[in-house]
C-alpha atoms as a PDB file:
ATOM      1  CA  UNK A   1     -36.013  -4.325  29.471  1.00  0.00           C
ATOM      2  CA  UNK A   2     -33.764  -1.529  28.361  1.00  0.00           C
ATOM      3  CA  UNK A   3     -30.695  -1.917  26.209  1.00  0.00           C
ATOM      4  CA  UNK A   4     -28.498  -0.917  29.112  1.00  0.00           C
ATOM      5  CA  UNK A   5     -29.851  -3.742  31.306  1.00  0.00           C
ATOM      6  CA  UNK A   6     -29.355  -6.319  28.546  1.00  0.00           C
ATOM      7  CA  UNK A   7     -25.806  -5.149  27.822  1.00  0.00           C
ATOM      8  CA  UNK A   8     -24.917  -5.169  31.524  1.00  0.00           C
ATOM      9  CA  UNK A   9     -26.263  -8.716  31.863  1.00  0.00           C
ATOM     10  CA  UNK A  10     -24.299  -9.932  28.850  1.00  0.00           C
ATOM     11  CA  UNK A  11     -21.153  -8.312  30.209  1.00  0.00           C
ATOM     12  CA  UNK A  12     -21.517 -10.028  33.595  1.00  0.00           C
ATOM     13  CA  UNK A  13     -22.229 -13.423  31.961  1.00  0.00           C
ATOM     14  CA  UNK A  14     -19.160 -13.098  29.723  1.00  0.00           C
ATOM     15  CA  UNK A  15     -16.983 -12.248  32.732  1.00  0.00           C
ATOM     16  CA  UNK A  16     -18.220 -15.248  34.709  1.00  0.00           C
ATOM     17  CA  UNK A  17     -17.875 -17.764  31.876  1.00  0.00           C
ATOM     18  CA  UNK A  18     -14.543 -16.440  30.622  1.00  0.00           C
ATOM     19  CA  UNK A  19     -12.752 -16.686  33.961  1.00  0.00           C
ATOM     20  CA  UNK A  20     -13.037 -20.461  34.473  1.00  0.00           C
ATOM     21  CA  UNK A  21     -10.094 -22.852  34.630  1.00  0.00           C
ATOM     22  CA  UNK A  22      -9.316 -25.062  31.666  1.00  0.00           C
ATOM     23  CA  UNK A  23      -9.243 -28.851  32.109  1.00  0.00           C
ATOM     24  CA  UNK A  24      -6.919 -29.358  29.132  1.00  0.00           C
ATOM     25  CA  UNK A  25      -3.961 -30.651  31.103  1.00  0.00           C
ATOM     26  CA  UNK A  26      -1.631 -33.086  29.383  1.00  0.00           C
ATOM     27  CA  UNK A  27       0.076 -36.112  30.900  1.00  0.00           C
ATOM     28  CA  UNK A  28       2.857 -35.305  33.355  1.00  0.00           C
ATOM     29  CA  UNK A  29       6.333 -36.457  32.441  1.00  0.00           C
ATOM     30  CA  UNK A  30       9.393 -35.569  30.319  1.00  0.00           C
ATOM     31  CA  UNK A  31       7.592 -36.122  26.948  1.00  0.00           C
ATOM     32  CA  UNK A  32       5.019 -33.357  27.456  1.00  0.00           C
ATOM     33  CA  UNK A  33       6.347 -31.204  24.568  1.00  0.00           C
ATOM     34  CA  UNK A  34       6.042 -32.563  21.022  1.00  0.00           C
ATOM     35  CA  UNK A  35       9.236 -32.953  18.959  1.00  0.00           C
ATOM     36  CA  UNK A  36      10.300 -29.837  17.056  1.00  0.00           C
ATOM     37  CA  UNK A  37      11.685 -29.582  13.540  1.00  0.00           C
ATOM     38  CA  UNK A  38      14.085 -26.812  12.564  1.00  0.00           C
ATOM     39  CA  UNK A  39      14.956 -25.509   9.128  1.00  0.00           C
ATOM     40  CA  UNK A  40      17.767 -23.193   8.022  1.00  0.00           C
ATOM     41  CA  UNK A  41      16.989 -19.770   6.621  1.00  0.00           C
ATOM     42  CA  UNK A  42      19.032 -17.824   4.065  1.00  0.00           C
ATOM     43  CA  UNK A  43      19.173 -14.040   4.101  1.00  0.00           C
ATOM     44  CA  UNK A  44      18.117 -12.611   0.760  1.00  0.00           C
ATOM     45  CA  UNK A  45      17.335  -9.179  -0.517  1.00  0.00           C
ATOM     46  CA  UNK A  46      13.667  -8.831  -1.225  1.00  0.00           C
ATOM     47  CA  UNK A  47      12.661  -6.353  -3.886  1.00  0.00           C
ATOM     48  CA  UNK A  48       9.237  -4.928  -3.394  1.00  0.00           C
ATOM     49  CA  UNK A  49       7.151  -2.975  -5.830  1.00  0.00           C
ATOM     50  CA  UNK A  50       3.983  -1.084  -5.069  1.00  0.00           C
ATOM     51  CA  UNK A  51       1.558   0.048  -7.754  1.00  0.00           C
ATOM     52  CA  UNK A  52      -0.972   2.682  -6.811  1.00  0.00           C
ATOM     53  CA  UNK A  53      -3.561   4.692  -8.651  1.00  0.00           C
ATOM     54  CA  UNK A  54      -4.181   8.330  -7.955  1.00  0.00           C
ATOM     55  CA  UNK A  55      -3.791  11.917  -9.011  1.00  0.00           C
ATOM     56  CA  UNK A  56      -0.802  14.090  -8.151  1.00  0.00           C
ATOM     57  CA  UNK A  57      -1.537  17.744  -7.589  1.00  0.00           C
ATOM     58  CA  UNK A  58       0.702  20.636  -6.591  1.00  0.00           C
ATOM     59  CA  UNK A  59       0.113  22.353  -3.273  1.00  0.00           C
ATOM     60  CA  UNK A  60       0.463  25.742  -4.953  1.00  0.00           C
ATOM     61  CA  UNK A  61       0.345  26.740  -8.604  1.00  0.00           C
ATOM     62  CA  UNK A  62       0.790  29.902 -10.639  1.00  0.00           C
ATOM     63  CA  UNK A  63      -0.288  30.905 -14.126  1.00  0.00           C
ATOM     64  CA  UNK A  64       2.463  32.659 -16.072  1.00  0.00           C
ATOM     65  CA  UNK A  65       1.166  34.961 -18.797  1.00  0.00           C
ATOM     66  CA  UNK A  66       2.539  37.933 -20.679  1.00  0.00           C
ATOM     67  CA  UNK A  67       1.093  41.396 -20.275  1.00  0.00           C
ATOM     68  CA  UNK A  68       1.101  42.036 -23.996  1.00  0.00           C
ATOM     69  CA  UNK A  69      -0.033  39.816 -26.840  1.00  0.00           C
ATOM     70  CA  UNK A  70       2.631  38.611 -29.231  1.00  0.00           C
ATOM     71  CA  UNK A  71       4.539  35.698 -30.694  1.00  0.00           C
ATOM     72  CA  UNK A  72       7.795  34.179 -29.377  1.00  0.00           C
ATOM     73  CA  UNK A  73      10.358  34.278 -32.191  1.00  0.00           C
ATOM     74  CA  UNK A  74      13.223  32.440 -30.454  1.00  0.00           C
ATOM     75  CA  UNK A  75      14.149  30.782 -27.150  1.00  0.00           C
ATOM     76  CA  UNK A  76      17.837  31.447 -26.492  1.00  0.00           C
ATOM     77  CA  UNK A  77      18.344  29.098 -23.484  1.00  0.00           C
ATOM     78  CA  UNK A  78      17.496  25.497 -22.692  1.00  0.00           C
ATOM     79  CA  UNK A  79      14.930  24.560 -20.076  1.00  0.00           C
ATOM     80  CA  UNK A  80      16.557  24.219 -16.658  1.00  0.00           C
ATOM     81  CA  UNK A  81      19.820  25.935 -17.632  1.00  0.00           C
ATOM     82  CA  UNK A  82      21.542  28.214 -15.121  1.00  0.00           C
ATOM     83  CA  UNK A  83      21.342  31.919 -15.985  1.00  0.00           C
ATOM     84  CA  UNK A  84      23.591  34.724 -14.820  1.00  0.00           C
ATOM     85  CA  UNK A  85      22.663  38.361 -14.424  1.00  0.00           C
ATOM     86  CA  UNK A  86      24.968  40.455 -16.658  1.00  0.00           C
ATOM     87  CA  UNK A  87      25.005  44.112 -15.600  1.00  0.00           C
ATOM     88  CA  UNK A  88      26.447  46.225 -18.438  1.00  0.00           C
END
């Protein structure tokens, strides 16, 4: 028998056995449903924290180098400070 024939047979058998009616009927009357218990719920703020491992990489990068060799004697501005073009 081929795999296709076996799979088709299993499919047909599962359709026929899965479509039957259930005989799990309970007693008729007003007490069919079991008693229910309720409990109050308080709304609270839930703080969640996620810890992940990985490596962060830039999409693009650039190497900044000088055209001439030399030594930096002084840096006259702070990193991230706003600069203004002074045209004298």
